[in-house]
Amino acid sequence: MSAVLDFVAPPPGFAPHTRFALTPVDGADGLFALDALDDDALRLFLVDPKSVVADYAPTLSDEHVDELGLAAPDDALLLVVVSRGADGVHVNLLAPIVANLRTGVAAQVILDGQDLPLRAALG
């Protein structure tokens, strides 16, 4: 699955960019690259949270649902940002990327009021 995502606001650290290509990473099930369409140097790695955290089931606010135009739960693609540092690989469970599969509208949302880590270690 490859898609163009149009963010309602630039992802943190990527201003002013709002259009990105989402492409699966060959040989890495559930891992995706998110590349800015107008700047080849900007890339994020995202992962399907089901492939790394068995019980991850965040609740989106009504505002997020409306902002993204989600009519049904199956309309939403949920991915989490992967980061790598000296202390290992982590995912951000507090602020996932949510995209409307029908329209390509996307946002990185903050899950207020949910007890989720900003940096969950993998492995």
PDB file of N, CA and C in Angstrom:
ATOM      1  N   MET A   1       0.833  -1.178   0.000  1.00  0.00           N
ATOM      2  CA  MET A   1       0.000   0.000   0.000  1.00  0.00           C
ATOM      3  C   MET A   1       0.877   1.239   0.000  1.00  0.00           C
ATOM      4  N   SER A   2       0.792   2.037  -1.014  1.00  0.00           N
ATOM      5  CA  SER A   2       1.446   3.339  -1.066  1.00  0.00           C
ATOM      6  C   SER A   2       0.344   4.378  -1.181  1.00  0.00           C
ATOM      7  N   ALA A   3       0.554   5.518  -0.535  1.00  0.00           N
ATOM      8  CA  ALA A   3      -0.481   6.552  -0.547  1.00  0.00           C
ATOM      9  C   ALA A   3       0.154   7.918  -0.346  1.00  0.00           C
ATOM     10  N   VAL A   4      -0.551   8.944  -0.788  1.00  0.00           N
ATOM     11  CA  VAL A   4      -0.171  10.322  -0.489  1.00  0.00           C
ATOM     12  C   VAL A   4      -1.050  10.768   0.669  1.00  0.00           C
ATOM     13  N   LEU A   5      -0.420  11.315   1.713  1.00  0.00           N
ATOM     14  CA  LEU A   5      -1.139  11.818   2.875  1.00  0.00           C
ATOM     15  C   LEU A   5      -1.023  13.332   2.922  1.00  0.00           C
ATOM     16  N   ASP A   6      -2.147  13.978   3.146  1.00  0.00           N
ATOM     17  CA  ASP A   6      -2.212  15.429   3.296  1.00  0.00           C
ATOM     18  C   ASP A   6      -2.507  15.736   4.760  1.00  0.00           C
ATOM     19  N   PHE A   7      -1.501  16.223   5.475  1.00  0.00           N
ATOM     20  CA  PHE A   7      -1.650  16.520   6.897  1.00  0.00           C
ATOM     21  C   PHE A   7      -2.406  17.828   7.090  1.00  0.00           C
ATOM     22  N   VAL A   8      -3.288  17.859   8.085  1.00  0.00           N
ATOM     23  CA  VAL A   8      -4.043  19.077   8.381  1.00  0.00           C
ATOM     24  C   VAL A   8      -3.130  20.142   8.974  1.00  0.00           C
ATOM     25  N   ALA A   9      -2.025  19.730   9.566  1.00  0.00           N
ATOM     26  CA  ALA A   9      -0.973  20.613  10.083  1.00  0.00           C
ATOM     27  C   ALA A   9       0.337  19.854   9.940  1.00  0.00           C
ATOM     28  N   PRO A  10       1.451  20.553   9.745  1.00  0.00           N
ATOM     29  CA  PRO A  10       2.718  19.840   9.607  1.00  0.00           C
ATOM     30  C   PRO A  10       3.014  18.981  10.835  1.00  0.00           C
ATOM     31  N   PRO A  11       3.529  17.764  10.633  1.00  0.00           N
ATOM     32  CA  PRO A  11       3.955  16.977  11.789  1.00  0.00           C
ATOM     33  C   PRO A  11       5.046  17.746  12.542  1.00  0.00           C
ATOM     34  N   PRO A  12       5.121  17.586  13.870  1.00  0.00           N
ATOM     35  CA  PRO A  12       6.142  18.307  14.646  1.00  0.00           C
ATOM     36  C   PRO A  12       7.548  18.109  14.073  1.00  0.00           C
ATOM     37  N   GLY A  13       8.235  19.231  13.877  1.00  0.00           N
ATOM     38  CA  GLY A  13       9.589  19.204  13.340  1.00  0.00           C
ATOM     39  C   GLY A  13       9.657  19.189  11.820  1.00  0.00           C
ATOM     40  N   PHE A  14       8.499  19.177  11.142  1.00  0.00           N
ATOM     41  CA  PHE A  14       8.489  19.088   9.685  1.00  0.00           C
ATOM     42  C   PHE A  14       7.832  20.295   9.012  1.00  0.00           C
ATOM     43  N   ALA A  15       7.582  21.367   9.755  1.00  0.00           N
ATOM     44  CA  ALA A  15       6.981  22.569   9.164  1.00  0.00           C
ATOM     45  C   ALA A  15       7.910  23.100   8.075  1.00  0.00           C
ATOM     46  N   PRO A  16       7.390  23.551   6.998  1.00  0.00           N
ATOM     47  CA  PRO A  16       5.995  23.792   6.648  1.00  0.00           C
ATOM     48  C   PRO A  16       5.360  22.653   5.853  1.00  0.00           C
ATOM     49  N   HIS A  17       5.970  21.483   5.838  1.00  0.00           N
ATOM     50  CA  HIS A  17       5.554  20.390   4.957  1.00  0.00           C
ATOM     51  C   HIS A  17       4.278  19.697   5.446  1.00  0.00           C
ATOM     52  N   THR A  18       3.342  19.492   4.520  1.00  0.00           N
ATOM     53  CA  THR A  18       2.082  18.832   4.862  1.00  0.00           C
ATOM     54  C   THR A  18       1.723  17.690   3.913  1.00  0.00           C
ATOM     55  N   ARG A  19       2.436  17.536   2.790  1.00  0.00           N
ATOM     56  CA  ARG A  19       2.152  16.432   1.850  1.00  0.00           C
ATOM     57  C   ARG A  19       3.294  15.431   1.895  1.00  0.00           C
ATOM     58  N   PHE A  20       2.914  14.168   2.127  1.00  0.00           N
ATOM     59  CA  PHE A  20       3.895  13.108   2.306  1.00  0.00           C
ATOM     60  C   PHE A  20       3.478  11.861   1.535  1.00  0.00           C
ATOM     61  N   ALA A  21       4.471  11.100   1.116  1.00  0.00           N
ATOM     62  CA  ALA A  21       4.235   9.788   0.515  1.00  0.00           C
ATOM     63  C   ALA A  21       4.459   8.739   1.598  1.00  0.00           C
ATOM     64  N   LEU A  22       3.505   7.851   1.750  1.00  0.00           N
ATOM     65  CA  LEU A  22       3.601   6.750   2.698  1.00  0.00           C
ATOM     66  C   LEU A  22       3.834   5.484   1.902  1.00  0.00           C
ATOM     67  N   THR A  23       4.978   4.818   2.145  1.00  0.00           N
ATOM     68  CA  THR A  23       5.302   3.601   1.403  1.00  0.00           C
ATOM     69  C   THR A  23       5.812   2.529   2.355  1.00  0.00           C
ATOM     70  N   PRO A  24       5.425   1.278   2.115  1.00  0.00           N
ATOM     71  CA  PRO A  24       5.935   0.192   2.958  1.00  0.00           C
ATOM     72  C   PRO A  24       7.432   0.001   2.731  1.00  0.00           C
ATOM     73  N   VAL A  25       8.137  -0.389   3.774  1.00  0.00           N
ATOM     74  CA  VAL A  25       9.562  -0.689   3.679  1.00  0.00           C
ATOM     75  C   VAL A  25       9.685  -2.166   3.302  1.00  0.00           C
ATOM     76  N   ASP A  26      10.343  -2.427   2.173  1.00  0.00           N
ATOM     77  CA  ASP A  26      10.501  -3.805   1.696  1.00  0.00           C
ATOM     78  C   ASP A  26      11.181  -4.679   2.741  1.00  0.00           C
ATOM     79  N   GLY A  27      10.611  -5.852   2.978  1.00  0.00           N
ATOM     80  CA  GLY A  27      11.205  -6.820   3.881  1.00  0.00           C
ATOM     81  C   GLY A  27      10.964  -6.554   5.350  1.00  0.00           C
ATOM     82  N   ALA A  28      10.191  -5.535   5.680  1.00  0.00           N
ATOM     83  CA  ALA A  28       9.924  -5.194   7.088  1.00  0.00           C
ATOM     84  C   ALA A  28       8.413  -5.051   7.267  1.00  0.00           C
ATOM     85  N   ASP A  29       7.758  -6.145   7.606  1.00  0.00           N
ATOM     86  CA  ASP A  29       6.305  -6.173   7.728  1.00  0.00           C
ATOM     87  C   ASP A  29       5.812  -5.158   8.752  1.00  0.00           C
ATOM     88  N   GLY A  30       4.899  -4.288   8.330  1.00  0.00           N
ATOM     89  CA  GLY A  30       4.309  -3.298   9.222  1.00  0.00           C
ATOM     90  C   GLY A  30       5.100  -2.020   9.361  1.00  0.00           C
ATOM     91  N   LEU A  31       6.246  -1.897   8.685  1.00  0.00           N
ATOM     92  CA  LEU A  31       7.087  -0.699   8.756  1.00  0.00           C
ATOM     93  C   LEU A  31       6.880   0.133   7.485  1.00  0.00           C
ATOM     94  N   PHE A  32       6.745   1.464   7.666  1.00  0.00           N
ATOM     95  CA  PHE A  32       6.498   2.373   6.558  1.00  0.00           C
ATOM     96  C   PHE A  32       7.463   3.546   6.614  1.00  0.00           C
ATOM     97  N   ALA A  33       7.765   4.098   5.443  1.00  0.00           N
ATOM     98  CA  ALA A  33       8.517   5.350   5.349  1.00  0.00           C
ATOM     99  C   ALA A  33       7.514   6.442   4.986  1.00  0.00           C
ATOM    100  N   LEU A  34       7.666   7.593   5.624  1.00  0.00           N
ATOM    101  CA  LEU A  34       6.837   8.761   5.344  1.00  0.00           C
ATOM    102  C   LEU A  34       7.784   9.845   4.852  1.00  0.00           C
ATOM    103  N   ASP A  35       7.716  10.143   3.550  1.00  0.00           N
ATOM    104  CA  ASP A  35       8.640  11.086   2.914  1.00  0.00           C
ATOM    105  C   ASP A  35       7.913  12.346   2.474  1.00  0.00           C
ATOM    106  N   ALA A  36       8.487  13.507   2.812  1.00  0.00           N
ATOM    107  CA  ALA A  36       7.924  14.776   2.341  1.00  0.00           C
ATOM    108  C   ALA A  36       8.021  14.807   0.817  1.00  0.00           C
ATOM    109  N   LEU A  37       6.928  15.165   0.165  1.00  0.00           N
ATOM    110  CA  LEU A  37       6.913  15.161  -1.299  1.00  0.00           C
ATOM    111  C   LEU A  37       7.772  16.264  -1.898  1.00  0.00           C
ATOM    112  N   ASP A  38       7.977  17.351  -1.154  1.00  0.00           N
ATOM    113  CA  ASP A  38       8.741  18.463  -1.712  1.00  0.00           C
ATOM    114  C   ASP A  38      10.128  18.635  -1.088  1.00  0.00           C
ATOM    115  N   ASP A  39      10.586  17.618  -0.344  1.00  0.00           N
ATOM    116  CA  ASP A  39      11.929  17.678   0.245  1.00  0.00           C
ATOM    117  C   ASP A  39      12.419  16.254   0.492  1.00  0.00           C
ATOM    118  N   ASP A  40      13.296  15.774  -0.384  1.00  0.00           N
ATOM    119  CA  ASP A  40      13.786  14.397  -0.307  1.00  0.00           C
ATOM    120  C   ASP A  40      14.541  14.080   0.981  1.00  0.00           C
ATOM    121  N   ALA A  41      14.969  15.098   1.714  1.00  0.00           N
ATOM    122  CA  ALA A  41      15.755  14.869   2.930  1.00  0.00           C
ATOM    123  C   ALA A  41      14.882  14.599   4.162  1.00  0.00           C
ATOM    124  N   LEU A  42      13.579  14.797   4.049  1.00  0.00           N
ATOM    125  CA  LEU A  42      12.700  14.635   5.209  1.00  0.00           C
ATOM    126  C   LEU A  42      12.000  13.285   5.175  1.00  0.00           C
ATOM    127  N   ARG A  43      12.291  12.474   6.186  1.00  0.00           N
ATOM    128  CA  ARG A  43      11.708  11.132   6.260  1.00  0.00           C
ATOM    129  C   ARG A  43      11.465  10.752   7.709  1.00  0.00           C
ATOM    130  N   LEU A  44      10.315  10.152   7.931  1.00  0.00           N
ATOM    131  CA  LEU A  44       9.964   9.549   9.215  1.00  0.00           C
ATOM    132  C   LEU A  44       9.739   8.068   8.977  1.00  0.00           C
ATOM    133  N   PHE A  45       9.973   7.270  10.000  1.00  0.00           N
ATOM    134  CA  PHE A  45       9.595   5.868   9.922  1.00  0.00           C
ATOM    135  C   PHE A  45       8.422   5.639  10.859  1.00  0.00           C
ATOM    136  N   LEU A  46       7.434   4.920  10.335  1.00  0.00           N
ATOM    137  CA  LEU A  46       6.221   4.622  11.078  1.00  0.00           C
ATOM    138  C   LEU A  46       6.010   3.115  11.088  1.00  0.00           C
ATOM    139  N   VAL A  47       5.331   2.653  12.123  1.00  0.00           N
ATOM    140  CA  VAL A  47       5.054   1.229  12.203  1.00  0.00           C
ATOM    141  C   VAL A  47       3.600   1.025  12.606  1.00  0.00           C
ATOM    142  N   ASP A  48       3.030  -0.044  12.095  1.00  0.00           N
ATOM    143  CA  ASP A  48       1.691  -0.444  12.510  1.00  0.00           C
ATOM    144  C   ASP A  48       1.810  -0.890  13.964  1.00  0.00           C
ATOM    145  N   PRO A  49       1.120  -0.216  14.889  1.00  0.00           N
ATOM    146  CA  PRO A  49       1.300  -0.545  16.303  1.00  0.00           C
ATOM    147  C   PRO A  49       0.900  -1.975  16.652  1.00  0.00           C
ATOM    148  N   LYS A  50       0.016  -2.583  15.874  1.00  0.00           N
ATOM    149  CA  LYS A  50      -0.377  -3.976  16.145  1.00  0.00           C
ATOM    150  C   LYS A  50       0.795  -4.934  15.992  1.00  0.00           C
ATOM    151  N   SER A  51       1.786  -4.537  15.209  1.00  0.00           N
ATOM    152  CA  SER A  51       2.937  -5.419  14.997  1.00  0.00           C
ATOM    153  C   SER A  51       3.963  -5.320  16.123  1.00  0.00           C
ATOM    154  N   VAL A  52       3.813  -4.324  17.018  1.00  0.00           N
ATOM    155  CA  VAL A  52       4.798  -4.159  18.091  1.00  0.00           C
ATOM    156  C   VAL A  52       4.199  -4.084  19.494  1.00  0.00           C
ATOM    157  N   VAL A  53       2.905  -3.738  19.603  1.00  0.00           N
ATOM    158  CA  VAL A  53       2.245  -3.617  20.901  1.00  0.00           C
ATOM    159  C   VAL A  53       0.882  -4.293  20.791  1.00  0.00           C
ATOM    160  N   ALA A  54       0.739  -5.437  21.435  1.00  0.00           N
ATOM    161  CA  ALA A  54      -0.459  -6.251  21.258  1.00  0.00           C
ATOM    162  C   ALA A  54      -1.752  -5.567  21.689  1.00  0.00           C
ATOM    163  N   ASP A  55      -1.734  -4.818  22.756  1.00  0.00           N
ATOM    164  CA  ASP A  55      -2.978  -4.288  23.306  1.00  0.00           C
ATOM    165  C   ASP A  55      -3.156  -2.777  23.106  1.00  0.00           C
ATOM    166  N   TYR A  56      -2.528  -2.208  22.113  1.00  0.00           N
ATOM    167  CA  TYR A  56      -2.636  -0.768  21.856  1.00  0.00           C
ATOM    168  C   TYR A  56      -3.976  -0.468  21.194  1.00  0.00           C
ATOM    169  N   ALA A  57      -4.844   0.246  21.892  1.00  0.00           N
ATOM    170  CA  ALA A  57      -6.170   0.581  21.375  1.00  0.00           C
ATOM    171  C   ALA A  57      -6.563   1.970  21.848  1.00  0.00           C
ATOM    172  N   PRO A  58      -5.932   3.010  21.310  1.00  0.00           N
ATOM    173  CA  PRO A  58      -6.241   4.366  21.757  1.00  0.00           C
ATOM    174  C   PRO A  58      -7.630   4.804  21.303  1.00  0.00           C
ATOM    175  N   THR A  59      -8.160   5.785  22.013  1.00  0.00           N
ATOM    176  CA  THR A  59      -9.453   6.363  21.669  1.00  0.00           C
ATOM    177  C   THR A  59      -9.234   7.765  21.120  1.00  0.00           C
ATOM    178  N   LEU A  60      -9.751   8.009  19.937  1.00  0.00           N
ATOM    179  CA  LEU A  60      -9.645   9.336  19.330  1.00  0.00           C
ATOM    180  C   LEU A  60     -10.757  10.225  19.863  1.00  0.00           C
ATOM    181  N   SER A  61     -10.446  11.499  20.032  1.00  0.00           N
ATOM    182  CA  SER A  61     -11.467  12.455  20.471  1.00  0.00           C
ATOM    183  C   SER A  61     -12.424  12.727  19.317  1.00  0.00           C
ATOM    184  N   ASP A  62     -13.604  13.248  19.643  1.00  0.00           N
ATOM    185  CA  ASP A  62     -14.567  13.638  18.610  1.00  0.00           C
ATOM    186  C   ASP A  62     -13.966  14.696  17.689  1.00  0.00           C
ATOM    187  N   GLU A  63     -13.137  15.584  18.266  1.00  0.00           N
ATOM    188  CA  GLU A  63     -12.486  16.619  17.454  1.00  0.00           C
ATOM    189  C   GLU A  63     -11.565  16.005  16.410  1.00  0.00           C
ATOM    190  N   HIS A  64     -10.779  14.995  16.812  1.00  0.00           N
ATOM    191  CA  HIS A  64      -9.883  14.335  15.855  1.00  0.00           C
ATOM    192  C   HIS A  64     -10.687  13.621  14.774  1.00  0.00           C
ATOM    193  N   VAL A  65     -11.740  12.934  15.173  1.00  0.00           N
ATOM    194  CA  VAL A  65     -12.584  12.223  14.208  1.00  0.00           C
ATOM    195  C   VAL A  65     -13.167  13.199  13.196  1.00  0.00           C
ATOM    196  N   ASP A  66     -13.681  14.331  13.685  1.00  0.00           N
ATOM    197  CA  ASP A  66     -14.255  15.341  12.789  1.00  0.00           C
ATOM    198  C   ASP A  66     -13.191  15.959  11.885  1.00  0.00           C
ATOM    199  N   GLU A  67     -12.037  16.301  12.463  1.00  0.00           N
ATOM    200  CA  GLU A  67     -10.960  16.937  11.705  1.00  0.00           C
ATOM    201  C   GLU A  67     -10.498  16.067  10.540  1.00  0.00           C
ATOM    202  N   LEU A  68     -10.488  14.750  10.766  1.00  0.00           N
ATOM    203  CA  LEU A  68     -10.021  13.814   9.746  1.00  0.00           C
ATOM    204  C   LEU A  68     -11.149  13.294   8.855  1.00  0.00           C
ATOM    205  N   GLY A  69     -12.387  13.634   9.194  1.00  0.00           N
ATOM    206  CA  GLY A  69     -13.523  13.189   8.386  1.00  0.00           C
ATOM    207  C   GLY A  69     -13.753  11.697   8.458  1.00  0.00           C
ATOM    208  N   LEU A  70     -13.511  11.100   9.612  1.00  0.00           N
ATOM    209  CA  LEU A  70     -13.674   9.660   9.771  1.00  0.00           C
ATOM    210  C   LEU A  70     -15.143   9.328  10.008  1.00  0.00           C
ATOM    211  N   ALA A  71     -15.738   8.535   9.112  1.00  0.00           N
ATOM    212  CA  ALA A  71     -17.141   8.157   9.238  1.00  0.00           C
ATOM    213  C   ALA A  71     -17.307   6.838   9.983  1.00  0.00           C
ATOM    214  N   ALA A  72     -16.262   6.001   9.965  1.00  0.00           N
ATOM    215  CA  ALA A  72     -16.320   4.690  10.616  1.00  0.00           C
ATOM    216  C   ALA A  72     -14.906   4.315  11.064  1.00  0.00           C
ATOM    217  N   PRO A  73     -14.805   3.463  12.081  1.00  0.00           N
ATOM    218  CA  PRO A  73     -13.472   3.049  12.553  1.00  0.00           C
ATOM    219  C   PRO A  73     -12.591   2.462  11.442  1.00  0.00           C
ATOM    220  N   ASP A  74     -13.199   1.764  10.497  1.00  0.00           N
ATOM    221  CA  ASP A  74     -12.417   1.164   9.407  1.00  0.00           C
ATOM    222  C   ASP A  74     -11.828   2.192   8.449  1.00  0.00           C
ATOM    223  N   ASP A  75     -12.276   3.453   8.547  1.00  0.00           N
ATOM    224  CA  ASP A  75     -11.711   4.520   7.714  1.00  0.00           C
ATOM    225  C   ASP A  75     -10.325   4.936   8.180  1.00  0.00           C
ATOM    226  N   ALA A  76      -9.977   4.625   9.434  1.00  0.00           N
ATOM    227  CA  ALA A  76      -8.739   5.133  10.035  1.00  0.00           C
ATOM    228  C   ALA A  76      -7.572   4.165   9.882  1.00  0.00           C
ATOM    229  N   LEU A  77      -6.455   4.720   9.464  1.00  0.00           N
ATOM    230  CA  LEU A  77      -5.177   4.013   9.483  1.00  0.00           C
ATOM    231  C   LEU A  77      -4.398   4.602  10.648  1.00  0.00           C
ATOM    232  N   LEU A  78      -3.961   3.762  11.558  1.00  0.00           N
ATOM    233  CA  LEU A  78      -3.250   4.185  12.756  1.00  0.00           C
ATOM    234  C   LEU A  78      -1.817   3.673  12.686  1.00  0.00           C
ATOM    235  N   LEU A  79      -0.851   4.600  12.772  1.00  0.00           N
ATOM    236  CA  LEU A  79       0.569   4.253  12.753  1.00  0.00           C
ATOM    237  C   LEU A  79       1.265   5.032  13.862  1.00  0.00           C
ATOM    238  N   VAL A  80       2.389   4.508  14.351  1.00  0.00           N
ATOM    239  CA  VAL A  80       3.144   5.213  15.382  1.00  0.00           C
ATOM    240  C   VAL A  80       4.550   5.504  14.874  1.00  0.00           C
ATOM    241  N   VAL A  81       5.090   6.623  15.351  1.00  0.00           N
ATOM    242  CA  VAL A  81       6.417   7.083  14.934  1.00  0.00           C
ATOM    243  C   VAL A  81       7.486   6.245  15.621  1.00  0.00           C
ATOM    244  N   VAL A  82       8.471   5.834  14.840  1.00  0.00           N
ATOM    245  CA  VAL A  82       9.611   5.059  15.332  1.00  0.00           C
ATOM    246  C   VAL A  82      10.811   5.990  15.441  1.00  0.00           C
ATOM    247  N   SER A  83      11.533   5.903  16.545  1.00  0.00           N
ATOM    248  CA  SER A  83      12.776   6.672  16.682  1.00  0.00           C
ATOM    249  C   SER A  83      13.877   5.754  17.198  1.00  0.00           C
ATOM    250  N   ARG A  84      15.086   6.077  16.789  1.00  0.00           N
ATOM    251  CA  ARG A  84      16.238   5.273  17.202  1.00  0.00           C
ATOM    252  C   ARG A  84      17.242   6.184  17.864  1.00  0.00           C
ATOM    253  N   GLY A  85      17.701   5.768  19.026  1.00  0.00           N
ATOM    254  CA  GLY A  85      18.702   6.540  19.749  1.00  0.00           C
ATOM    255  C   GLY A  85      19.760   5.622  20.324  1.00  0.00           C
ATOM    256  N   ALA A  86      20.654   6.201  21.106  1.00  0.00           N
ATOM    257  CA  ALA A  86      21.738   5.426  21.705  1.00  0.00           C
ATOM    258  C   ALA A  86      21.217   4.334  22.632  1.00  0.00           C
ATOM    259  N   ASP A  87      20.020   4.565  23.189  1.00  0.00           N
ATOM    260  CA  ASP A  87      19.455   3.587  24.121  1.00  0.00           C
ATOM    261  C   ASP A  87      18.465   2.632  23.471  1.00  0.00           C
ATOM    262  N   GLY A  88      18.421   2.569  22.145  1.00  0.00           N
ATOM    263  CA  GLY A  88      17.580   1.604  21.450  1.00  0.00           C
ATOM    264  C   GLY A  88      16.520   2.232  20.569  1.00  0.00           C
ATOM    265  N   VAL A  89      15.572   1.406  20.166  1.00  0.00           N
ATOM    266  CA  VAL A  89      14.483   1.822  19.282  1.00  0.00           C
ATOM    267  C   VAL A  89      13.221   1.995  20.125  1.00  0.00           C
ATOM    268  N   HIS A  90      12.498   3.084  19.860  1.00  0.00           N
ATOM    269  CA  HIS A  90      11.291   3.402  20.617  1.00  0.00           C
ATOM    270  C   HIS A  90      10.157   3.764  19.658  1.00  0.00           C
ATOM    271  N   VAL A  91       8.926   3.652  20.160  1.00  0.00           N
ATOM    272  CA  VAL A  91       7.764   4.140  19.430  1.00  0.00           C
ATOM    273  C   VAL A  91       7.015   5.132  20.311  1.00  0.00           C
ATOM    274  N   ASN A  92       6.368   6.083  19.668  1.00  0.00           N
ATOM    275  CA  ASN A  92       5.599   7.109  20.359  1.00  0.00           C
ATOM    276  C   ASN A  92       4.138   6.676  20.372  1.00  0.00           C
ATOM    277  N   LEU A  93       3.681   6.139  21.500  1.00  0.00           N
ATOM    278  CA  LEU A  93       2.306   5.672  21.609  1.00  0.00           C
ATOM    279  C   LEU A  93       1.338   6.789  22.007  1.00  0.00           C
ATOM    280  N   LEU A  94       1.867   7.910  22.486  1.00  0.00           N
ATOM    281  CA  LEU A  94       1.037   9.022  22.937  1.00  0.00           C
ATOM    282  C   LEU A  94       0.549   9.906  21.780  1.00  0.00           C
ATOM    283  N   ALA A  95       1.294   9.917  20.684  1.00  0.00           N
ATOM    284  CA  ALA A  95       0.948  10.798  19.562  1.00  0.00           C
ATOM    285  C   ALA A  95       1.051  10.045  18.230  1.00  0.00           C
ATOM    286  N   PRO A  96       0.065   9.176  17.953  1.00  0.00           N
ATOM    287  CA  PRO A  96       0.109   8.418  16.699  1.00  0.00           C
ATOM    288  C   PRO A  96      -0.241   9.287  15.490  1.00  0.00           C
ATOM    289  N   ILE A  97       0.110   8.776  14.330  1.00  0.00           N
ATOM    290  CA  ILE A  97      -0.322   9.347  13.062  1.00  0.00           C
ATOM    291  C   ILE A  97      -1.625   8.630  12.704  1.00  0.00           C
ATOM    292  N   VAL A  98      -2.650   9.410  12.414  1.00  0.00           N
ATOM    293  CA  VAL A  98      -3.939   8.840  12.009  1.00  0.00           C
ATOM    294  C   VAL A  98      -4.269   9.392  10.636  1.00  0.00           C
ATOM    295  N   ALA A  99      -4.624   8.504   9.720  1.00  0.00           N
ATOM    296  CA  ALA A  99      -4.969   8.920   8.360  1.00  0.00           C
ATOM    297  C   ALA A  99      -6.328   8.357   7.979  1.00  0.00           C
ATOM    298  N   ASN A 100      -7.065   9.147   7.226  1.00  0.00           N
ATOM    299  CA  ASN A 100      -8.333   8.700   6.674  1.00  0.00           C
ATOM    300  C   ASN A 100      -8.000   7.929   5.400  1.00  0.00           C
ATOM    301  N   LEU A 101      -8.293   6.635   5.392  1.00  0.00           N
ATOM    302  CA  LEU A 101      -7.963   5.795   4.239  1.00  0.00           C
ATOM    303  C   LEU A 101      -8.731   6.178   2.981  1.00  0.00           C
ATOM    304  N   ARG A 102      -9.886   6.783   3.130  1.00  0.00           N
ATOM    305  CA  ARG A 102     -10.691   7.175   1.971  1.00  0.00           C
ATOM    306  C   ARG A 102     -10.189   8.457   1.327  1.00  0.00           C
ATOM    307  N   THR A 103      -9.720   9.421   2.144  1.00  0.00           N
ATOM    308  CA  THR A 103      -9.383  10.747   1.619  1.00  0.00           C
ATOM    309  C   THR A 103      -7.900  11.079   1.637  1.00  0.00           C
ATOM    310  N   GLY A 104      -7.121  10.393   2.469  1.00  0.00           N
ATOM    311  CA  GLY A 104      -5.703  10.719   2.600  1.00  0.00           C
ATOM    312  C   GLY A 104      -5.421  11.844   3.577  1.00  0.00           C
ATOM    313  N   VAL A 105      -6.449  12.398   4.205  1.00  0.00           N
ATOM    314  CA  VAL A 105      -6.248  13.442   5.208  1.00  0.00           C
ATOM    315  C   VAL A 105      -5.632  12.785   6.444  1.00  0.00           C
ATOM    316  N   ALA A 106      -4.596  13.425   7.008  1.00  0.00           N
ATOM    317  CA  ALA A 106      -3.877  12.821   8.124  1.00  0.00           C
ATOM    318  C   ALA A 106      -3.506  13.860   9.165  1.00  0.00           C
ATOM    319  N   ALA A 107      -3.186  13.375  10.363  1.00  0.00           N
ATOM    320  CA  ALA A 107      -2.722  14.244  11.445  1.00  0.00           C
ATOM    321  C   ALA A 107      -1.946  13.406  12.445  1.00  0.00           C
ATOM    322  N   GLN A 108      -0.991  14.051  13.087  1.00  0.00           N
ATOM    323  CA  GLN A 108      -0.385  13.435  14.261  1.00  0.00           C
ATOM    324  C   GLN A 108      -1.180  13.973  15.441  1.00  0.00           C
ATOM    325  N   VAL A 109      -1.869  13.090  16.133  1.00  0.00           N
ATOM    326  CA  VAL A 109      -2.773  13.504  17.203  1.00  0.00           C
ATOM    327  C   VAL A 109      -2.159  13.202  18.563  1.00  0.00           C
ATOM    328  N   ILE A 110      -2.462  14.035  19.536  1.00  0.00           N
ATOM    329  CA  ILE A 110      -2.041  13.790  20.914  1.00  0.00           C
ATOM    330  C   ILE A 110      -3.232  13.209  21.650  1.00  0.00           C
ATOM    331  N   LEU A 111      -3.035  12.069  22.254  1.00  0.00           N
ATOM    332  CA  LEU A 111      -4.108  11.361  22.934  1.00  0.00           C
ATOM    333  C   LEU A 111      -4.214  11.846  24.372  1.00  0.00           C
ATOM    334  N   ASP A 112      -4.827  13.006  24.537  1.00  0.00           N
ATOM    335  CA  ASP A 112      -4.995  13.608  25.859  1.00  0.00           C
ATOM    336  C   ASP A 112      -5.768  12.676  26.789  1.00  0.00           C
ATOM    337  N   GLY A 113      -5.335  12.649  28.049  1.00  0.00           N
ATOM    338  CA  GLY A 113      -6.045  11.889  29.060  1.00  0.00           C
ATOM    339  C   GLY A 113      -5.837  10.385  29.003  1.00  0.00           C
ATOM    340  N   GLN A 114      -4.954   9.923  28.135  1.00  0.00           N
ATOM    341  CA  GLN A 114      -4.684   8.488  28.040  1.00  0.00           C
ATOM    342  C   GLN A 114      -3.277   8.237  28.554  1.00  0.00           C
ATOM    343  N   ASP A 115      -3.140   7.269  29.392  1.00  0.00           N
ATOM    344  CA  ASP A 115      -1.863   6.962  30.024  1.00  0.00           C
ATOM    345  C   ASP A 115      -1.002   6.117  29.104  1.00  0.00           C
ATOM    346  N   LEU A 116      -0.377   6.783  28.139  1.00  0.00           N
ATOM    347  CA  LEU A 116       0.445   6.100  27.144  1.00  0.00           C
ATOM    348  C   LEU A 116       1.829   6.745  27.103  1.00  0.00           C
ATOM    349  N   PRO A 117       2.873   5.937  26.860  1.00  0.00           N
ATOM    350  CA  PRO A 117       4.224   6.505  26.853  1.00  0.00           C
ATOM    351  C   PRO A 117       4.574   7.228  25.547  1.00  0.00           C
ATOM    352  N   LEU A 118       5.354   8.278  25.713  1.00  0.00           N
ATOM    353  CA  LEU A 118       5.889   9.013  24.581  1.00  0.00           C
ATOM    354  C   LEU A 118       7.025   8.221  23.918  1.00  0.00           C
ATOM    355  N   ARG A 119       7.741   7.442  24.731  1.00  0.00           N
ATOM    356  CA  ARG A 119       8.853   6.625  24.241  1.00  0.00           C
ATOM    357  C   ARG A 119       8.741   5.221  24.840  1.00  0.00           C
ATOM    358  N   ALA A 120       8.112   4.318  24.082  1.00  0.00           N
ATOM    359  CA  ALA A 120       7.998   2.921  24.510  1.00  0.00           C
ATOM    360  C   ALA A 120       9.107   2.130  23.835  1.00  0.00           C
ATOM    361  N   ALA A 121       9.945   1.488  24.623  1.00  0.00           N
ATOM    362  CA  ALA A 121      11.061   0.720  24.077  1.00  0.00           C
ATOM    363  C   ALA A 121      10.565  -0.514  23.333  1.00  0.00           C
ATOM    364  N   LEU A 122      11.219  -0.811  22.224  1.00  0.00           N
ATOM    365  CA  LEU A 122      10.925  -2.030  21.472  1.00  0.00           C
ATOM    366  C   LEU A 122      11.994  -3.065  21.756  1.00  0.00           C
ATOM    367  N   GLY A 123      11.601  -4.302  21.688  1.00  0.00           N
ATOM    368  CA  GLY A 123      12.562  -5.399  21.832  1.00  0.00           C
ATOM    369  C   GLY A 123      12.914  -5.749  23.239  1.00  0.00           C
TER     370      GLY A 123
END
